[in-house]
Amino acid sequence: MDNEKSTCRYFTTYSGVKLPFKLVGELGEHEIRNRNTFFRGYFDAEGVLLGFQKVVYGDVELEHKYTYRKDGMLQRADITDAEGEMDTILLAEQDSTV
């Protein structure tokens, strides 16, 4: 998920039940060394969450990747579980006028 156009930040958890989730409890990079569980969030230059990984004992247990429409609305979420199975959720149809 990491690429040149994203910034990685670390968090303790997320809030909300609607997608995209909101990562909360930001941690410094030095604070994750002794944590069993944390979230690794990837953000674009404007601070929009592109996706995240839930890391448990060094392994990625859950991953979300988000795609947005031109108007900023979430269009698609690709969610991969601990077994590596991915589900895609289409949330908003792309409008031809956007």
PDB file of N, CA and C in Angstrom:
ATOM      1  N   MET A   1       0.829  -1.193   0.000  1.00  0.00           N
ATOM      2  CA  MET A   1       0.000   0.000   0.000  1.00  0.00           C
ATOM      3  C   MET A   1       0.868   1.249   0.000  1.00  0.00           C
ATOM      4  N   ASP A   2       2.001   1.166   0.609  1.00  0.00           N
ATOM      5  CA  ASP A   2       2.889   2.317   0.696  1.00  0.00           C
ATOM      6  C   ASP A   2       3.368   2.721  -0.689  1.00  0.00           C
ATOM      7  N   ASN A   3       3.292   3.993  -0.994  1.00  0.00           N
ATOM      8  CA  ASN A   3       3.844   4.491  -2.254  1.00  0.00           C
ATOM      9  C   ASN A   3       4.422   5.873  -2.055  1.00  0.00           C
ATOM     10  N   GLU A   4       5.056   6.404  -3.090  1.00  0.00           N
ATOM     11  CA  GLU A   4       5.737   7.692  -2.997  1.00  0.00           C
ATOM     12  C   GLU A   4       4.794   8.851  -2.713  1.00  0.00           C
ATOM     13  N   LYS A   5       3.522   8.710  -3.055  1.00  0.00           N
ATOM     14  CA  LYS A   5       2.580   9.811  -2.912  1.00  0.00           C
ATOM     15  C   LYS A   5       1.803   9.768  -1.606  1.00  0.00           C
ATOM     16  N   SER A   6       2.128   8.844  -0.718  1.00  0.00           N
ATOM     17  CA  SER A   6       1.395   8.755   0.544  1.00  0.00           C
ATOM     18  C   SER A   6       2.341   8.924   1.728  1.00  0.00           C
ATOM     19  N   THR A   7       1.748   9.332   2.836  1.00  0.00           N
ATOM     20  CA  THR A   7       2.460   9.483   4.093  1.00  0.00           C
ATOM     21  C   THR A   7       1.923   8.451   5.068  1.00  0.00           C
ATOM     22  N   CYS A   8       2.803   7.751   5.742  1.00  0.00           N
ATOM     23  CA  CYS A   8       2.398   6.742   6.719  1.00  0.00           C
ATOM     24  C   CYS A   8       2.420   7.345   8.118  1.00  0.00           C
ATOM     25  N   ARG A   9       1.313   7.134   8.862  1.00  0.00           N
ATOM     26  CA  ARG A   9       1.208   7.557  10.262  1.00  0.00           C
ATOM     27  C   ARG A   9       0.636   6.400  11.055  1.00  0.00           C
ATOM     28  N   TYR A  10       0.817   6.422  12.375  1.00  0.00           N
ATOM     29  CA  TYR A  10       0.436   5.304  13.241  1.00  0.00           C
ATOM     30  C   TYR A  10      -0.620   5.739  14.254  1.00  0.00           C
ATOM     31  N   PHE A  11      -1.518   4.784  14.593  1.00  0.00           N
ATOM     32  CA  PHE A  11      -2.648   5.079  15.466  1.00  0.00           C
ATOM     33  C   PHE A  11      -2.944   3.895  16.378  1.00  0.00           C
ATOM     34  N   THR A  12      -3.641   4.182  17.488  1.00  0.00           N
ATOM     35  CA  THR A  12      -4.003   3.125  18.424  1.00  0.00           C
ATOM     36  C   THR A  12      -5.256   2.376  18.002  1.00  0.00           C
ATOM     37  N   THR A  13      -6.195   3.071  17.350  1.00  0.00           N
ATOM     38  CA  THR A  13      -7.465   2.437  17.004  1.00  0.00           C
ATOM     39  C   THR A  13      -8.196   3.268  15.953  1.00  0.00           C
ATOM     40  N   TYR A  14      -9.449   2.941  15.710  1.00  0.00           N
ATOM     41  CA  TYR A  14     -10.287   3.698  14.786  1.00  0.00           C
ATOM     42  C   TYR A  14     -11.622   3.967  15.458  1.00  0.00           C
ATOM     43  N   SER A  15     -12.396   4.878  14.875  1.00  0.00           N
ATOM     44  CA  SER A  15     -13.737   5.152  15.385  1.00  0.00           C
ATOM     45  C   SER A  15     -14.714   5.126  14.224  1.00  0.00           C
ATOM     46  N   GLY A  16     -15.959   4.931  14.566  1.00  0.00           N
ATOM     47  CA  GLY A  16     -17.012   4.934  13.566  1.00  0.00           C
ATOM     48  C   GLY A  16     -17.316   3.546  13.042  1.00  0.00           C
ATOM     49  N   VAL A  17     -18.457   3.461  12.368  1.00  0.00           N
ATOM     50  CA  VAL A  17     -18.866   2.205  11.746  1.00  0.00           C
ATOM     51  C   VAL A  17     -19.039   2.373  10.239  1.00  0.00           C
ATOM     52  N   LYS A  18     -19.062   3.634   9.782  1.00  0.00           N
ATOM     53  CA  LYS A  18     -19.196   3.911   8.363  1.00  0.00           C
ATOM     54  C   LYS A  18     -17.816   4.027   7.741  1.00  0.00           C
ATOM     55  N   LEU A  19     -17.736   3.659   6.479  1.00  0.00           N
ATOM     56  CA  LEU A  19     -16.482   3.801   5.748  1.00  0.00           C
ATOM     57  C   LEU A  19     -16.376   5.206   5.169  1.00  0.00           C
ATOM     58  N   PRO A  20     -15.208   5.767   5.094  1.00  0.00           N
ATOM     59  CA  PRO A  20     -13.946   5.233   5.603  1.00  0.00           C
ATOM     60  C   PRO A  20     -13.862   5.398   7.110  1.00  0.00           C
ATOM     61  N   PHE A  21     -13.198   4.443   7.770  1.00  0.00           N
ATOM     62  CA  PHE A  21     -13.002   4.548   9.212  1.00  0.00           C
ATOM     63  C   PHE A  21     -12.132   5.764   9.515  1.00  0.00           C
ATOM     64  N   LYS A  22     -12.228   6.260  10.743  1.00  0.00           N
ATOM     65  CA  LYS A  22     -11.406   7.380  11.189  1.00  0.00           C
ATOM     66  C   LYS A  22     -10.385   6.832  12.180  1.00  0.00           C
ATOM     67  N   LEU A  23      -9.116   7.002  11.860  1.00  0.00           N
ATOM     68  CA  LEU A  23      -8.062   6.535  12.751  1.00  0.00           C
ATOM     69  C   LEU A  23      -7.871   7.570  13.854  1.00  0.00           C
ATOM     70  N   VAL A  24      -7.744   7.097  15.099  1.00  0.00           N
ATOM     71  CA  VAL A  24      -7.616   7.989  16.248  1.00  0.00           C
ATOM     72  C   VAL A  24      -6.476   7.517  17.149  1.00  0.00           C
ATOM     73  N   GLY A  25      -6.042   8.416  18.017  1.00  0.00           N
ATOM     74  CA  GLY A  25      -4.976   8.092  18.958  1.00  0.00           C
ATOM     75  C   GLY A  25      -3.630   7.990  18.262  1.00  0.00           C
ATOM     76  N   GLU A  26      -3.239   9.081  17.591  1.00  0.00           N
ATOM     77  CA  GLU A  26      -2.002   9.029  16.811  1.00  0.00           C
ATOM     78  C   GLU A  26      -0.794   8.747  17.699  1.00  0.00           C
ATOM     79  N   LEU A  27       0.096   7.928  17.159  1.00  0.00           N
ATOM     80  CA  LEU A  27       1.323   7.514  17.848  1.00  0.00           C
ATOM     81  C   LEU A  27       2.530   7.972  17.044  1.00  0.00           C
ATOM     82  N   GLY A  28       3.618   8.233  17.754  1.00  0.00           N
ATOM     83  CA  GLY A  28       4.878   8.485  17.074  1.00  0.00           C
ATOM     84  C   GLY A  28       5.486   7.155  16.652  1.00  0.00           C
ATOM     85  N   GLU A  29       6.380   7.202  15.671  1.00  0.00           N
ATOM     86  CA  GLU A  29       6.995   5.965  15.174  1.00  0.00           C
ATOM     87  C   GLU A  29       7.702   5.213  16.301  1.00  0.00           C
ATOM     88  N   HIS A  30       8.327   5.938  17.224  1.00  0.00           N
ATOM     89  CA  HIS A  30       9.020   5.292  18.345  1.00  0.00           C
ATOM     90  C   HIS A  30       8.054   4.603  19.311  1.00  0.00           C
ATOM     91  N   GLU A  31       6.778   5.005  19.308  1.00  0.00           N
ATOM     92  CA  GLU A  31       5.789   4.437  20.227  1.00  0.00           C
ATOM     93  C   GLU A  31       5.236   3.087  19.775  1.00  0.00           C
ATOM     94  N   ILE A  32       5.446   2.710  18.535  1.00  0.00           N
ATOM     95  CA  ILE A  32       4.880   1.437  18.064  1.00  0.00           C
ATOM     96  C   ILE A  32       5.813   0.255  18.305  1.00  0.00           C
ATOM     97  N   ARG A  33       7.050   0.524  18.668  1.00  0.00           N
ATOM     98  CA  ARG A  33       8.030  -0.558  18.832  1.00  0.00           C
ATOM     99  C   ARG A  33       7.630  -1.583  19.879  1.00  0.00           C
ATOM    100  N   ASN A  34       7.004  -1.155  20.943  1.00  0.00           N
ATOM    101  CA  ASN A  34       6.636  -2.064  22.029  1.00  0.00           C
ATOM    102  C   ASN A  34       5.137  -2.333  22.096  1.00  0.00           C
ATOM    103  N   ARG A  35       4.414  -2.032  21.016  1.00  0.00           N
ATOM    104  CA  ARG A  35       2.972  -2.269  20.993  1.00  0.00           C
ATOM    105  C   ARG A  35       2.682  -3.579  20.279  1.00  0.00           C
ATOM    106  N   ASN A  36       1.722  -4.325  20.798  1.00  0.00           N
ATOM    107  CA  ASN A  36       1.288  -5.556  20.147  1.00  0.00           C
ATOM    108  C   ASN A  36       0.382  -5.276  18.960  1.00  0.00           C
ATOM    109  N   THR A  37      -0.432  -4.229  19.085  1.00  0.00           N
ATOM    110  CA  THR A  37      -1.420  -3.899  18.056  1.00  0.00           C
ATOM    111  C   THR A  37      -1.386  -2.406  17.782  1.00  0.00           C
ATOM    112  N   PHE A  38      -1.423  -2.042  16.510  1.00  0.00           N
ATOM    113  CA  PHE A  38      -1.537  -0.647  16.111  1.00  0.00           C
ATOM    114  C   PHE A  38      -2.059  -0.601  14.682  1.00  0.00           C
ATOM    115  N   PHE A  39      -2.441   0.583  14.255  1.00  0.00           N
ATOM    116  CA  PHE A  39      -2.934   0.799  12.908  1.00  0.00           C
ATOM    117  C   PHE A  39      -1.942   1.670  12.152  1.00  0.00           C
ATOM    118  N   ARG A  40      -1.628   1.262  10.932  1.00  0.00           N
ATOM    119  CA  ARG A  40      -0.725   1.999  10.050  1.00  0.00           C
ATOM    120  C   ARG A  40      -1.598   2.629   8.976  1.00  0.00           C
ATOM    121  N   GLY A  41      -1.730   3.968   9.021  1.00  0.00           N
ATOM    122  CA  GLY A  41      -2.587   4.664   8.068  1.00  0.00           C
ATOM    123  C   GLY A  41      -1.783   5.353   6.988  1.00  0.00           C
ATOM    124  N   TYR A  42      -2.323   5.368   5.776  1.00  0.00           N
ATOM    125  CA  TYR A  42      -1.676   6.008   4.636  1.00  0.00           C
ATOM    126  C   TYR A  42      -2.549   7.159   4.162  1.00  0.00           C
ATOM    127  N   PHE A  43      -1.942   8.341   4.045  1.00  0.00           N
ATOM    128  CA  PHE A  43      -2.661   9.570   3.736  1.00  0.00           C
ATOM    129  C   PHE A  43      -2.040  10.250   2.523  1.00  0.00           C
ATOM    130  N   ASP A  44      -2.892  10.920   1.731  1.00  0.00           N
ATOM    131  CA  ASP A  44      -2.370  11.687   0.609  1.00  0.00           C
ATOM    132  C   ASP A  44      -1.894  13.048   1.103  1.00  0.00           C
ATOM    133  N   ALA A  45      -1.435  13.895   0.195  1.00  0.00           N
ATOM    134  CA  ALA A  45      -0.883  15.204   0.553  1.00  0.00           C
ATOM    135  C   ALA A  45      -1.901  16.108   1.236  1.00  0.00           C
ATOM    136  N   GLU A  46      -3.196  15.889   0.981  1.00  0.00           N
ATOM    137  CA  GLU A  46      -4.252  16.701   1.611  1.00  0.00           C
ATOM    138  C   GLU A  46      -4.737  16.111   2.928  1.00  0.00           C
ATOM    139  N   GLY A  47      -4.165  14.984   3.343  1.00  0.00           N
ATOM    140  CA  GLY A  47      -4.563  14.354   4.597  1.00  0.00           C
ATOM    141  C   GLY A  47      -5.730  13.390   4.473  1.00  0.00           C
ATOM    142  N   VAL A  48      -6.100  13.024   3.268  1.00  0.00           N
ATOM    143  CA  VAL A  48      -7.200  12.078   3.049  1.00  0.00           C
ATOM    144  C   VAL A  48      -6.678  10.657   3.249  1.00  0.00           C
ATOM    145  N   LEU A  49      -7.414   9.870   4.023  1.00  0.00           N
ATOM    146  CA  LEU A  49      -7.027   8.489   4.301  1.00  0.00           C
ATOM    147  C   LEU A  49      -7.191   7.636   3.047  1.00  0.00           C
ATOM    148  N   LEU A  50      -6.074   7.093   2.556  1.00  0.00           N
ATOM    149  CA  LEU A  50      -6.085   6.230   1.378  1.00  0.00           C
ATOM    150  C   LEU A  50      -6.294   4.775   1.757  1.00  0.00           C
ATOM    151  N   GLY A  51      -5.965   4.444   2.997  1.00  0.00           N
ATOM    152  CA  GLY A  51      -6.118   3.083   3.478  1.00  0.00           C
ATOM    153  C   GLY A  51      -5.362   2.898   4.774  1.00  0.00           C
ATOM    154  N   PHE A  52      -5.536   1.712   5.356  1.00  0.00           N
ATOM    155  CA  PHE A  52      -4.822   1.411   6.592  1.00  0.00           C
ATOM    156  C   PHE A  52      -4.619  -0.083   6.729  1.00  0.00           C
ATOM    157  N   GLN A  53      -3.707  -0.428   7.623  1.00  0.00           N
ATOM    158  CA  GLN A  53      -3.449  -1.820   7.975  1.00  0.00           C
ATOM    159  C   GLN A  53      -3.510  -1.938   9.491  1.00  0.00           C
ATOM    160  N   LYS A  54      -4.181  -2.975   9.983  1.00  0.00           N
ATOM    161  CA  LYS A  54      -4.156  -3.297  11.397  1.00  0.00           C
ATOM    162  C   LYS A  54      -3.030  -4.307  11.586  1.00  0.00           C
ATOM    163  N   VAL A  55      -2.039  -3.936  12.394  1.00  0.00           N
ATOM    164  CA  VAL A  55      -0.877  -4.779  12.619  1.00  0.00           C
ATOM    165  C   VAL A  55      -0.985  -5.391  14.017  1.00  0.00           C
ATOM    166  N   VAL A  56      -0.929  -6.729  14.083  1.00  0.00           N
ATOM    167  CA  VAL A  56      -1.023  -7.449  15.352  1.00  0.00           C
ATOM    168  C   VAL A  56       0.181  -8.378  15.448  1.00  0.00           C
ATOM    169  N   TYR A  57       1.001  -8.164  16.460  1.00  0.00           N
ATOM    170  CA  TYR A  57       2.224  -8.954  16.647  1.00  0.00           C
ATOM    171  C   TYR A  57       3.046  -9.026  15.358  1.00  0.00           C
ATOM    172  N   GLY A  58       3.150  -7.903  14.664  1.00  0.00           N
ATOM    173  CA  GLY A  58       3.977  -7.817  13.469  1.00  0.00           C
ATOM    174  C   GLY A  58       3.335  -8.274  12.171  1.00  0.00           C
ATOM    175  N   ASP A  59       2.151  -8.872  12.241  1.00  0.00           N
ATOM    176  CA  ASP A  59       1.459  -9.341  11.044  1.00  0.00           C
ATOM    177  C   ASP A  59       0.280  -8.431  10.714  1.00  0.00           C
ATOM    178  N   VAL A  60       0.029  -8.247   9.424  1.00  0.00           N
ATOM    179  CA  VAL A  60      -1.133  -7.464   8.995  1.00  0.00           C
ATOM    180  C   VAL A  60      -2.362  -8.356   9.112  1.00  0.00           C
ATOM    181  N   GLU A  61      -3.298  -7.945   9.982  1.00  0.00           N
ATOM    182  CA  GLU A  61      -4.502  -8.726  10.248  1.00  0.00           C
ATOM    183  C   GLU A  61      -5.702  -8.233   9.446  1.00  0.00           C
ATOM    184  N   LEU A  62      -5.666  -6.988   9.046  1.00  0.00           N
ATOM    185  CA  LEU A  62      -6.773  -6.373   8.327  1.00  0.00           C
ATOM    186  C   LEU A  62      -6.208  -5.236   7.494  1.00  0.00           C
ATOM    187  N   GLU A  63      -6.738  -5.072   6.283  1.00  0.00           N
ATOM    188  CA  GLU A  63      -6.285  -3.970   5.432  1.00  0.00           C
ATOM    189  C   GLU A  63      -7.466  -3.386   4.677  1.00  0.00           C
ATOM    190  N   HIS A  64      -7.536  -2.061   4.665  1.00  0.00           N
ATOM    191  CA  HIS A  64      -8.532  -1.329   3.887  1.00  0.00           C
ATOM    192  C   HIS A  64      -7.791  -0.463   2.876  1.00  0.00           C
ATOM    193  N   LYS A  65      -8.285  -0.427   1.631  1.00  0.00           N
ATOM    194  CA  LYS A  65      -7.781   0.492   0.612  1.00  0.00           C
ATOM    195  C   LYS A  65      -8.989   1.241   0.065  1.00  0.00           C
ATOM    196  N   TYR A  66      -8.886   2.566   0.048  1.00  0.00           N
ATOM    197  CA  TYR A  66     -10.014   3.394  -0.343  1.00  0.00           C
ATOM    198  C   TYR A  66      -9.758   4.107  -1.669  1.00  0.00           C
ATOM    199  N   THR A  67     -10.825   4.218  -2.476  1.00  0.00           N
ATOM    200  CA  THR A  67     -10.808   4.978  -3.716  1.00  0.00           C
ATOM    201  C   THR A  67     -11.922   6.007  -3.619  1.00  0.00           C
ATOM    202  N   TYR A  68     -11.606   7.251  -3.997  1.00  0.00           N
ATOM    203  CA  TYR A  68     -12.556   8.346  -3.877  1.00  0.00           C
ATOM    204  C   TYR A  68     -12.941   8.883  -5.255  1.00  0.00           C
ATOM    205  N   ARG A  69     -14.155   9.433  -5.321  1.00  0.00           N
ATOM    206  CA  ARG A  69     -14.590  10.131  -6.531  1.00  0.00           C
ATOM    207  C   ARG A  69     -13.907  11.488  -6.587  1.00  0.00           C
ATOM    208  N   LYS A  70     -14.033  12.164  -7.717  1.00  0.00           N
ATOM    209  CA  LYS A  70     -13.439  13.497  -7.864  1.00  0.00           C
ATOM    210  C   LYS A  70     -14.012  14.498  -6.874  1.00  0.00           C
ATOM    211  N   ASP A  71     -15.253  14.285  -6.454  1.00  0.00           N
ATOM    212  CA  ASP A  71     -15.881  15.211  -5.505  1.00  0.00           C
ATOM    213  C   ASP A  71     -15.544  14.880  -4.046  1.00  0.00           C
ATOM    214  N   GLY A  72     -14.685  13.880  -3.820  1.00  0.00           N
ATOM    215  CA  GLY A  72     -14.248  13.537  -2.467  1.00  0.00           C
ATOM    216  C   GLY A  72     -15.050  12.458  -1.778  1.00  0.00           C
ATOM    217  N   MET A  73     -16.144  12.030  -2.366  1.00  0.00           N
ATOM    218  CA  MET A  73     -16.956  10.969  -1.771  1.00  0.00           C
ATOM    219  C   MET A  73     -16.257   9.621  -1.953  1.00  0.00           C
ATOM    220  N   LEU A  74     -16.357   8.768  -0.926  1.00  0.00           N
ATOM    221  CA  LEU A  74     -15.779   7.440  -1.018  1.00  0.00           C
ATOM    222  C   LEU A  74     -16.530   6.640  -2.075  1.00  0.00           C
ATOM    223  N   GLN A  75     -15.791   6.075  -3.005  1.00  0.00           N
ATOM    224  CA  GLN A  75     -16.397   5.319  -4.094  1.00  0.00           C
ATOM    225  C   GLN A  75     -16.252   3.818  -3.887  1.00  0.00           C
ATOM    226  N   ARG A  76     -15.105   3.390  -3.360  1.00  0.00           N
ATOM    227  CA  ARG A  76     -14.813   1.958  -3.288  1.00  0.00           C
ATOM    228  C   ARG A  76     -13.916   1.672  -2.091  1.00  0.00           C
ATOM    229  N   ALA A  77     -14.167   0.522  -1.463  1.00  0.00           N
ATOM    230  CA  ALA A  77     -13.307   0.044  -0.371  1.00  0.00           C
ATOM    231  C   ALA A  77     -12.941  -1.401  -0.663  1.00  0.00           C
ATOM    232  N   ASP A  78     -11.653  -1.677  -0.711  1.00  0.00           N
ATOM    233  CA  ASP A  78     -11.154  -3.045  -0.840  1.00  0.00           C
ATOM    234  C   ASP A  78     -10.670  -3.461   0.540  1.00  0.00           C
ATOM    235  N   ILE A  79     -11.281  -4.498   1.103  1.00  0.00           N
ATOM    236  CA  ILE A  79     -11.005  -4.922   2.472  1.00  0.00           C
ATOM    237  C   ILE A  79     -10.462  -6.340   2.451  1.00  0.00           C
ATOM    238  N   THR A  80      -9.254  -6.499   3.000  1.00  0.00           N
ATOM    239  CA  THR A  80      -8.605  -7.801   3.050  1.00  0.00           C
ATOM    240  C   THR A  80      -8.531  -8.251   4.504  1.00  0.00           C
ATOM    241  N   ASP A  81      -9.004  -9.478   4.790  1.00  0.00           N
ATOM    242  CA  ASP A  81      -9.002  -9.986   6.161  1.00  0.00           C
ATOM    243  C   ASP A  81      -7.706 -10.745   6.467  1.00  0.00           C
ATOM    244  N   ALA A  82      -7.619 -11.296   7.665  1.00  0.00           N
ATOM    245  CA  ALA A  82      -6.415 -11.988   8.137  1.00  0.00           C
ATOM    246  C   ALA A  82      -6.072 -13.212   7.296  1.00  0.00           C
ATOM    247  N   GLU A  83      -7.059 -13.816   6.666  1.00  0.00           N
ATOM    248  CA  GLU A  83      -6.827 -14.990   5.829  1.00  0.00           C
ATOM    249  C   GLU A  83      -6.432 -14.612   4.406  1.00  0.00           C
ATOM    250  N   GLY A  84      -6.377 -13.307   4.111  1.00  0.00           N
ATOM    251  CA  GLY A  84      -6.013 -12.851   2.777  1.00  0.00           C
ATOM    252  C   GLY A  84      -7.176 -12.766   1.812  1.00  0.00           C
ATOM    253  N   GLU A  85      -8.392 -12.953   2.318  1.00  0.00           N
ATOM    254  CA  GLU A  85      -9.576 -12.861   1.458  1.00  0.00           C
ATOM    255  C   GLU A  85     -10.008 -11.407   1.346  1.00  0.00           C
ATOM    256  N   MET A  86     -10.251 -10.963   0.098  1.00  0.00           N
ATOM    257  CA  MET A  86     -10.612  -9.575  -0.134  1.00  0.00           C
ATOM    258  C   MET A  86     -12.067  -9.452  -0.553  1.00  0.00           C
ATOM    259  N   ASP A  87     -12.718  -8.453   0.000  1.00  0.00           N
ATOM    260  CA  ASP A  87     -14.064  -8.059  -0.393  1.00  0.00           C
ATOM    261  C   ASP A  87     -13.990  -6.639  -0.919  1.00  0.00           C
ATOM    262  N   THR A  88     -14.756  -6.360  -1.947  1.00  0.00           N
ATOM    263  CA  THR A  88     -14.831  -5.010  -2.492  1.00  0.00           C
ATOM    264  C   THR A  88     -16.230  -4.482  -2.244  1.00  0.00           C
ATOM    265  N   ILE A  89     -16.277  -3.276  -1.709  1.00  0.00           N
ATOM    266  CA  ILE A  89     -17.558  -2.616  -1.448  1.00  0.00           C
ATOM    267  C   ILE A  89     -17.616  -1.373  -2.321  1.00  0.00           C
ATOM    268  N   LEU A  90     -18.626  -1.297  -3.181  1.00  0.00           N
ATOM    269  CA  LEU A  90     -18.844  -0.115  -4.004  1.00  0.00           C
ATOM    270  C   LEU A  90     -19.857   0.758  -3.286  1.00  0.00           C
ATOM    271  N   LEU A  91     -19.469   1.993  -2.965  1.00  0.00           N
ATOM    272  CA  LEU A  91     -20.297   2.843  -2.130  1.00  0.00           C
ATOM    273  C   LEU A  91     -21.023   3.940  -2.889  1.00  0.00           C
ATOM    274  N   ALA A  92     -20.385   4.502  -3.890  1.00  0.00           N
ATOM    275  CA  ALA A  92     -21.008   5.615  -4.606  1.00  0.00           C
ATOM    276  C   ALA A  92     -20.691   5.461  -6.081  1.00  0.00           C
ATOM    277  N   GLU A  93     -21.701   5.547  -6.874  1.00  0.00           N
ATOM    278  CA  GLU A  93     -21.503   5.453  -8.320  1.00  0.00           C
ATOM    279  C   GLU A  93     -20.831   6.719  -8.802  1.00  0.00           C
ATOM    280  N   GLN A  94     -19.941   6.569  -9.746  1.00  0.00           N
ATOM    281  CA  GLN A  94     -19.286   7.724 -10.363  1.00  0.00           C
ATOM    282  C   GLN A  94     -20.289   8.462 -11.223  1.00  0.00           C
ATOM    283  N   ASP A  95     -20.489   9.716 -10.967  1.00  0.00           N
ATOM    284  CA  ASP A  95     -21.414  10.531 -11.735  1.00  0.00           C
ATOM    285  C   ASP A  95     -20.661  11.143 -12.913  1.00  0.00           C
ATOM    286  N   SER A  96     -21.227  11.085 -14.077  1.00  0.00           N
ATOM    287  CA  SER A  96     -20.538  11.571 -15.270  1.00  0.00           C
ATOM    288  C   SER A  96     -20.326  13.087 -15.249  1.00  0.00           C
ATOM    289  N   THR A  97     -21.040  13.809 -14.381  1.00  0.00           N
ATOM    290  CA  THR A  97     -20.880  15.255 -14.320  1.00  0.00           C
ATOM    291  C   THR A  97     -19.819  15.683 -13.326  1.00  0.00           C
ATOM    292  N   VAL A  98     -19.291  14.742 -12.553  1.00  0.00           N
ATOM    293  CA  VAL A  98     -18.294  15.069 -11.519  1.00  0.00           C
ATOM    294  C   VAL A  98     -16.928  15.168 -12.149  1.00  0.00           C
TER     295      VAL A  98
END
